[in-house]
C-alpha cells in the first residue's frame, strides 16, 4: 500500500536533485519537475477568502501529481457568514488514461477516464502556440488572457513539463477583485521514488463524468 505524499514530507522522498536538462535516476526512481505554489487563494463574492493554501505539482513522464493543502470555509459557514476555517487536503493523480481525485474533508475519492496520452520524455518545452511569453522562476511560459462576457478575466502563463501543460501563473479577476490566484514560487528538477507517486489502492474510488 502506498502512502499519500504529504507536502511536509516532500523532501524525504527526493533522492537527489539536479538542474541539468537530463537526470540520471536509479531504477526505482523517475525524473520529475517539482513546482511549488506558496500562495493559492479563492474568494467568494465578498472580501472573505473562501480557500487559501499551498500547492505542489510533480510532473513525470507517466504521472502528474497535484496536492493542495490549506484551510477553507465549509458551505454552511460561507452561507452564514462565519469565518471559522477547516483544514483541507486535495490530491490528484493524472495518469495516461485517468484522473484520480481525493478530497480529505469529505473522504471523496473520484476517478474520471480521459483520452489516452502519449508518454513524453522531454523535460521542459514551450506550448506549440504563438503569442506572448513571460519568464517565471527562470522558465519561459506562454502568456494568454481569456475574457468571459466582459465580467471576468483570466490570465495564465503555461509551460510543458514531460508533456503536461502546466500553469505557472493563474489569476482570475471578477468585479475588480481576485477570485483565483496561484503563482509558482519554486521549480526544480529531481529524481523521485516511483512508488511515492502510485495511486493508492486503499480508497473507495468511484467513477464520475
C-alpha atoms as a PDB file:
ATOM      1  CA  UNK A   1       0.000   0.000   0.000  1.00  0.00           C
ATOM      2  CA  UNK A   2       1.409   3.367  -0.981  1.00  0.00           C
ATOM      3  CA  UNK A   3       1.003   6.270   1.390  1.00  0.00           C
ATOM      4  CA  UNK A   4      -0.068   9.669   0.128  1.00  0.00           C
ATOM      5  CA  UNK A   5       2.590  12.288  -0.378  1.00  0.00           C
ATOM      6  CA  UNK A   6       2.330  14.981   2.309  1.00  0.00           C
ATOM      7  CA  UNK A   7       3.815  18.316   1.325  1.00  0.00           C
ATOM      8  CA  UNK A   8       5.666  18.477   4.638  1.00  0.00           C
ATOM      9  CA  UNK A   9       7.441  15.208   3.812  1.00  0.00           C
ATOM     10  CA  UNK A  10       8.224  16.055   0.207  1.00  0.00           C
ATOM     11  CA  UNK A  11      11.948  16.459   0.834  1.00  0.00           C
ATOM     12  CA  UNK A  12      12.161  12.976   2.327  1.00  0.00           C
ATOM     13  CA  UNK A  13      11.078  11.456  -0.969  1.00  0.00           C
ATOM     14  CA  UNK A  14      13.683  13.269  -3.022  1.00  0.00           C
ATOM     15  CA  UNK A  15      16.749  11.130  -3.604  1.00  0.00           C
ATOM     16  CA  UNK A  16      18.855  13.785  -5.283  1.00  0.00           C
ATOM     17  CA  UNK A  17      18.359  16.964  -7.257  1.00  0.00           C
ATOM     18  CA  UNK A  18      19.812  18.487 -10.381  1.00  0.00           C
ATOM     19  CA  UNK A  19      19.101  21.491 -12.565  1.00  0.00           C
ATOM     20  CA  UNK A  20      20.519  19.818 -15.663  1.00  0.00           C
ATOM     21  CA  UNK A  21      18.234  19.007 -18.595  1.00  0.00           C
ATOM     22  CA  UNK A  22      18.754  15.273 -18.106  1.00  0.00           C
ATOM     23  CA  UNK A  23      18.827  13.428 -14.799  1.00  0.00           C
ATOM     24  CA  UNK A  24      20.497  10.122 -14.086  1.00  0.00           C
ATOM     25  CA  UNK A  25      17.944   8.388 -11.878  1.00  0.00           C
ATOM     26  CA  UNK A  26      18.121   4.971 -10.257  1.00  0.00           C
ATOM     27  CA  UNK A  27      15.923   2.109 -11.484  1.00  0.00           C
ATOM     28  CA  UNK A  28      13.293   2.709  -8.787  1.00  0.00           C
ATOM     29  CA  UNK A  29      13.221   6.465  -9.438  1.00  0.00           C
ATOM     30  CA  UNK A  30      11.727   8.693 -12.094  1.00  0.00           C
ATOM     31  CA  UNK A  31      12.857  12.130 -13.325  1.00  0.00           C
ATOM     32  CA  UNK A  32      10.419  14.823 -12.267  1.00  0.00           C
ATOM     33  CA  UNK A  33       9.756  18.513 -12.170  1.00  0.00           C
ATOM     34  CA  UNK A  34       8.563  19.726  -8.782  1.00  0.00           C
ATOM     35  CA  UNK A  35       6.653  23.020  -8.858  1.00  0.00           C
ATOM     36  CA  UNK A  36       5.679  24.752  -5.631  1.00  0.00           C
ATOM     37  CA  UNK A  37       2.967  27.395  -5.375  1.00  0.00           C
ATOM     38  CA  UNK A  38       3.246  29.090  -1.996  1.00  0.00           C
ATOM     39  CA  UNK A  39       0.098  31.146  -2.366  1.00  0.00           C
ATOM     40  CA  UNK A  40      -3.275  29.930  -3.569  1.00  0.00           C
ATOM     41  CA  UNK A  41      -6.466  31.852  -2.879  1.00  0.00           C
ATOM     42  CA  UNK A  42     -10.068  31.718  -3.991  1.00  0.00           C
ATOM     43  CA  UNK A  43     -12.610  34.245  -2.802  1.00  0.00           C
ATOM     44  CA  UNK A  44     -16.341  34.482  -2.513  1.00  0.00           C
ATOM     45  CA  UNK A  45     -18.291  37.490  -3.725  1.00  0.00           C
ATOM     46  CA  UNK A  46     -17.313  39.460  -0.651  1.00  0.00           C
ATOM     47  CA  UNK A  47     -13.786  40.069   0.675  1.00  0.00           C
ATOM     48  CA  UNK A  48     -13.621  36.909   2.779  1.00  0.00           C
ATOM     49  CA  UNK A  49     -11.232  34.292   1.313  1.00  0.00           C
ATOM     50  CA  UNK A  50     -13.132  31.100   0.565  1.00  0.00           C
ATOM     51  CA  UNK A  51     -10.000  28.969   0.364  1.00  0.00           C
ATOM     52  CA  UNK A  52      -6.309  29.625   0.885  1.00  0.00           C
ATOM     53  CA  UNK A  53      -3.391  27.255   0.852  1.00  0.00           C
ATOM     54  CA  UNK A  54      -0.284  25.882  -0.809  1.00  0.00           C
ATOM     55  CA  UNK A  55       0.138  23.686  -3.875  1.00  0.00           C
ATOM     56  CA  UNK A  56       2.738  21.251  -5.166  1.00  0.00           C
ATOM     57  CA  UNK A  57       2.756  19.776  -8.670  1.00  0.00           C
ATOM     58  CA  UNK A  58       5.077  16.886  -9.569  1.00  0.00           C
ATOM     59  CA  UNK A  59       5.296  16.170 -13.294  1.00  0.00           C
ATOM     60  CA  UNK A  60       6.896  12.936 -14.508  1.00  0.00           C
ATOM     61  CA  UNK A  61       6.707  11.162 -17.891  1.00  0.00           C
ATOM     62  CA  UNK A  62       3.969   8.812 -16.594  1.00  0.00           C
ATOM     63  CA  UNK A  63       2.128  10.838 -13.938  1.00  0.00           C
ATOM     64  CA  UNK A  64       1.311  14.366 -12.879  1.00  0.00           C
ATOM     65  CA  UNK A  65       0.732  14.535  -9.125  1.00  0.00           C
ATOM     66  CA  UNK A  66      -1.040  17.519  -7.596  1.00  0.00           C
ATOM     67  CA  UNK A  67      -1.504  18.310  -3.932  1.00  0.00           C
ATOM     68  CA  UNK A  68      -3.203  21.270  -2.310  1.00  0.00           C
ATOM     69  CA  UNK A  69      -3.333  21.838   1.437  1.00  0.00           C
ATOM     70  CA  UNK A  70      -4.666  24.725   3.437  1.00  0.00           C
ATOM     71  CA  UNK A  71      -7.881  25.933   5.019  1.00  0.00           C
ATOM     72  CA  UNK A  72     -11.325  26.591   3.661  1.00  0.00           C
ATOM     73  CA  UNK A  73     -14.779  27.688   4.705  1.00  0.00           C
ATOM     74  CA  UNK A  74     -17.403  24.972   4.655  1.00  0.00           C
ATOM     75  CA  UNK A  75     -20.526  25.584   2.604  1.00  0.00           C
ATOM     76  CA  UNK A  76     -22.555  26.086   5.780  1.00  0.00           C
ATOM     77  CA  UNK A  77     -20.011  28.539   7.173  1.00  0.00           C
ATOM     78  CA  UNK A  78     -19.953  30.583   3.971  1.00  0.00           C
ATOM     79  CA  UNK A  79     -23.756  30.719   3.816  1.00  0.00           C
ATOM     80  CA  UNK A  80     -23.982  32.001   7.395  1.00  0.00           C
ATOM     81  CA  UNK A  81     -21.077  34.431   7.097  1.00  0.00           C
ATOM     82  CA  UNK A  82     -18.909  32.500   9.554  1.00  0.00           C
ATOM     83  CA  UNK A  83     -15.129  32.897   9.450  1.00  0.00           C
ATOM     84  CA  UNK A  84     -14.107  29.601  11.033  1.00  0.00           C
ATOM     85  CA  UNK A  85     -11.827  27.731   8.655  1.00  0.00           C
ATOM     86  CA  UNK A  86     -11.486  23.970   8.306  1.00  0.00           C
ATOM     87  CA  UNK A  87      -8.223  22.291   7.262  1.00  0.00           C
ATOM     88  CA  UNK A  88      -8.469  20.508   3.931  1.00  0.00           C
ATOM     89  CA  UNK A  89      -6.337  18.487   1.555  1.00  0.00           C
ATOM     90  CA  UNK A  90      -6.932  17.797  -2.114  1.00  0.00           C
ATOM     91  CA  UNK A  91      -4.804  15.302  -4.024  1.00  0.00           C
ATOM     92  CA  UNK A  92      -4.945  14.425  -7.711  1.00  0.00           C
ATOM     93  CA  UNK A  93      -3.113  11.825  -9.781  1.00  0.00           C
ATOM     94  CA  UNK A  94      -3.241  12.260 -13.570  1.00  0.00           C
ATOM     95  CA  UNK A  95      -2.147   9.110 -15.392  1.00  0.00           C
ATOM     96  CA  UNK A  96      -2.054   8.183 -19.075  1.00  0.00           C
ATOM     97  CA  UNK A  97      -5.770   7.362 -19.190  1.00  0.00           C
ATOM     98  CA  UNK A  98      -7.455   8.578 -15.981  1.00  0.00           C
ATOM     99  CA  UNK A  99      -7.604  11.299 -13.331  1.00  0.00           C
ATOM    100  CA  UNK A 100      -7.916  10.296  -9.665  1.00  0.00           C
ATOM    101  CA  UNK A 101      -9.016  12.973  -7.179  1.00  0.00           C
ATOM    102  CA  UNK A 102      -9.212  12.644  -3.396  1.00  0.00           C
ATOM    103  CA  UNK A 103     -10.722  15.224  -1.013  1.00  0.00           C
ATOM    104  CA  UNK A 104      -9.878  14.694   2.640  1.00  0.00           C
ATOM    105  CA  UNK A 105     -12.653  16.845   4.092  1.00  0.00           C
ATOM    106  CA  UNK A 106     -15.466  14.554   2.903  1.00  0.00           C
ATOM    107  CA  UNK A 107     -13.365  11.465   2.168  1.00  0.00           C
ATOM    108  CA  UNK A 108     -14.364  11.677  -1.501  1.00  0.00           C
ATOM    109  CA  UNK A 109     -12.415   9.538  -3.987  1.00  0.00           C
ATOM    110  CA  UNK A 110     -13.330  10.048  -7.645  1.00  0.00           C
ATOM    111  CA  UNK A 111     -11.829   8.711 -10.857  1.00  0.00           C
ATOM    112  CA  UNK A 112     -12.528  10.009 -14.344  1.00  0.00           C
ATOM    113  CA  UNK A 113     -11.362   8.479 -17.601  1.00  0.00           C
ATOM    114  CA  UNK A 114      -9.540  10.686 -20.090  1.00  0.00           C
ATOM    115  CA  UNK A 115      -8.241  10.132 -23.641  1.00  0.00           C
ATOM    116  CA  UNK A 116      -5.039   8.107 -23.723  1.00  0.00           C
ATOM    117  CA  UNK A 117      -1.984  10.370 -23.807  1.00  0.00           C
ATOM    118  CA  UNK A 118       1.453   9.535 -25.083  1.00  0.00           C
ATOM    119  CA  UNK A 119       4.389   9.475 -22.692  1.00  0.00           C
ATOM    120  CA  UNK A 120       6.789  12.361 -23.251  1.00  0.00           C
ATOM    121  CA  UNK A 121      10.444  12.193 -22.210  1.00  0.00           C
ATOM    122  CA  UNK A 122      11.048  15.887 -22.970  1.00  0.00           C
ATOM    123  CA  UNK A 123      11.598  17.512 -19.558  1.00  0.00           C
ATOM    124  CA  UNK A 124      10.575  21.058 -20.483  1.00  0.00           C
ATOM    125  CA  UNK A 125       9.122  22.780 -23.540  1.00  0.00           C
ATOM    126  CA  UNK A 126       7.012  25.744 -24.528  1.00  0.00           C
ATOM    127  CA  UNK A 127       3.471  25.150 -25.781  1.00  0.00           C
ATOM    128  CA  UNK A 128       3.307  24.853 -29.551  1.00  0.00           C
ATOM    129  CA  UNK A 129       1.308  28.044 -29.953  1.00  0.00           C
ATOM    130  CA  UNK A 130       2.306  31.557 -30.850  1.00  0.00           C
ATOM    131  CA  UNK A 131       1.844  34.542 -28.598  1.00  0.00           C
ATOM    132  CA  UNK A 132       3.367  36.455 -25.737  1.00  0.00           C
ATOM    133  CA  UNK A 133       5.827  34.862 -23.343  1.00  0.00           C
ATOM    134  CA  UNK A 134       6.915  35.651 -19.825  1.00  0.00           C
ATOM    135  CA  UNK A 135       9.557  34.179 -17.555  1.00  0.00           C
ATOM    136  CA  UNK A 136       8.741  32.788 -14.104  1.00  0.00           C
ATOM    137  CA  UNK A 137      11.377  31.244 -11.856  1.00  0.00           C
ATOM    138  CA  UNK A 138      13.760  31.049 -14.811  1.00  0.00           C
ATOM    139  CA  UNK A 139      11.297  29.246 -17.133  1.00  0.00           C
ATOM    140  CA  UNK A 140       9.620  30.855 -20.132  1.00  0.00           C
ATOM    141  CA  UNK A 141       5.866  30.293 -20.333  1.00  0.00           C
ATOM    142  CA  UNK A 142       3.109  31.127 -22.795  1.00  0.00           C
ATOM    143  CA  UNK A 143       1.082  34.105 -21.569  1.00  0.00           C
ATOM    144  CA  UNK A 144      -2.554  34.497 -22.551  1.00  0.00           C
ATOM    145  CA  UNK A 145      -5.746  36.094 -21.275  1.00  0.00           C
ATOM    146  CA  UNK A 146      -9.362  34.994 -21.556  1.00  0.00           C
ATOM    147  CA  UNK A 147     -12.397  37.222 -21.033  1.00  0.00           C
ATOM    148  CA  UNK A 148     -15.874  35.975 -20.150  1.00  0.00           C
ATOM    149  CA  UNK A 149     -18.763  38.227 -21.152  1.00  0.00           C
ATOM    150  CA  UNK A 150     -16.783  41.265 -20.090  1.00  0.00           C
ATOM    151  CA  UNK A 151     -17.266  40.487 -16.388  1.00  0.00           C
ATOM    152  CA  UNK A 152     -14.426  38.068 -15.701  1.00  0.00           C
ATOM    153  CA  UNK A 153     -10.856  37.868 -16.952  1.00  0.00           C
ATOM    154  CA  UNK A 154      -8.403  35.004 -16.501  1.00  0.00           C
ATOM    155  CA  UNK A 155      -4.657  35.337 -17.012  1.00  0.00           C
ATOM    156  CA  UNK A 156      -2.459  32.251 -17.406  1.00  0.00           C
ATOM    157  CA  UNK A 157       1.165  31.532 -18.113  1.00  0.00           C
ATOM    158  CA  UNK A 158       1.754  27.890 -19.103  1.00  0.00           C
ATOM    159  CA  UNK A 159       4.697  25.658 -19.882  1.00  0.00           C
ATOM    160  CA  UNK A 160       5.006  21.946 -20.710  1.00  0.00           C
ATOM    161  CA  UNK A 161       6.795  19.562 -18.340  1.00  0.00           C
ATOM    162  CA  UNK A 162       7.166  15.957 -19.561  1.00  0.00           C
ATOM    163  CA  UNK A 163       4.238  16.555 -21.894  1.00  0.00           C
ATOM    164  CA  UNK A 164       1.920  18.003 -19.218  1.00  0.00           C
ATOM    165  CA  UNK A 165       0.636  21.510 -19.960  1.00  0.00           C
ATOM    166  CA  UNK A 166       1.051  23.172 -16.564  1.00  0.00           C
ATOM    167  CA  UNK A 167       0.126  26.722 -15.489  1.00  0.00           C
ATOM    168  CA  UNK A 168       2.872  28.561 -13.612  1.00  0.00           C
ATOM    169  CA  UNK A 169       0.635  31.560 -13.028  1.00  0.00           C
ATOM    170  CA  UNK A 170      -3.156  31.795 -12.840  1.00  0.00           C
ATOM    171  CA  UNK A 171      -5.191  34.838 -11.938  1.00  0.00           C
ATOM    172  CA  UNK A 172      -8.938  35.294 -12.377  1.00  0.00           C
ATOM    173  CA  UNK A 173     -10.399  38.733 -11.812  1.00  0.00           C
ATOM    174  CA  UNK A 174     -14.120  39.485 -11.455  1.00  0.00           C
ATOM    175  CA  UNK A 175     -15.721  42.770 -10.416  1.00  0.00           C
ATOM    176  CA  UNK A 176     -12.236  44.181  -9.921  1.00  0.00           C
ATOM    177  CA  UNK A 177     -11.249  41.514  -7.374  1.00  0.00           C
ATOM    178  CA  UNK A 178      -9.036  38.465  -7.469  1.00  0.00           C
ATOM    179  CA  UNK A 179     -11.221  35.370  -7.245  1.00  0.00           C
ATOM    180  CA  UNK A 180      -8.416  32.914  -8.034  1.00  0.00           C
ATOM    181  CA  UNK A 181      -4.706  33.482  -7.643  1.00  0.00           C
ATOM    182  CA  UNK A 182      -1.877  30.973  -7.946  1.00  0.00           C
ATOM    183  CA  UNK A 183       1.795  31.582  -8.762  1.00  0.00           C
ATOM    184  CA  UNK A 184       4.771  29.208  -8.845  1.00  0.00           C
ATOM    185  CA  UNK A 185       7.478  30.207  -6.374  1.00  0.00           C
ATOM    186  CA  UNK A 186       9.926  27.334  -6.906  1.00  0.00           C
ATOM    187  CA  UNK A 187      10.648  24.988  -9.829  1.00  0.00           C
ATOM    188  CA  UNK A 188      13.230  22.209  -9.604  1.00  0.00           C
ATOM    189  CA  UNK A 189      14.213  19.010 -11.381  1.00  0.00           C
ATOM    190  CA  UNK A 190      14.603  15.937  -9.172  1.00  0.00           C
ATOM    191  CA  UNK A 191      14.685  12.160  -9.084  1.00  0.00           C
ATOM    192  CA  UNK A 192      11.758  10.816  -7.045  1.00  0.00           C
ATOM    193  CA  UNK A 193      10.920   7.297  -5.955  1.00  0.00           C
ATOM    194  CA  UNK A 194       8.306   5.891  -8.350  1.00  0.00           C
ATOM    195  CA  UNK A 195       6.307   4.179  -5.611  1.00  0.00           C
ATOM    196  CA  UNK A 196       5.661   7.514  -3.870  1.00  0.00           C
ATOM    197  CA  UNK A 197       3.525   8.598  -6.840  1.00  0.00           C
ATOM    198  CA  UNK A 198       1.447   5.447  -7.246  1.00  0.00           C
ATOM    199  CA  UNK A 199      -2.332   5.860  -6.971  1.00  0.00           C
ATOM    200  CA  UNK A 200      -3.259   4.457  -3.530  1.00  0.00           C
ATOM    201  CA  UNK A 201      -5.470   1.386  -3.523  1.00  0.00           C
ATOM    202  CA  UNK A 202      -6.984   1.960  -0.083  1.00  0.00           C
ATOM    203  CA  UNK A 203      -9.533   4.496  -1.359  1.00  0.00           C
ATOM    204  CA  UNK A 204     -13.085   3.691  -2.436  1.00  0.00           C
ATOM    205  CA  UNK A 205     -12.640   5.061  -5.957  1.00  0.00           C
ATOM    206  CA  UNK A 206     -15.856   5.842  -7.774  1.00  0.00           C
ATOM    207  CA  UNK A 207     -16.150   6.730 -11.429  1.00  0.00           C
ATOM    208  CA  UNK A 208     -17.569  10.113 -12.381  1.00  0.00           C
ATOM    209  CA  UNK A 209     -18.020  12.062 -15.591  1.00  0.00           C
END
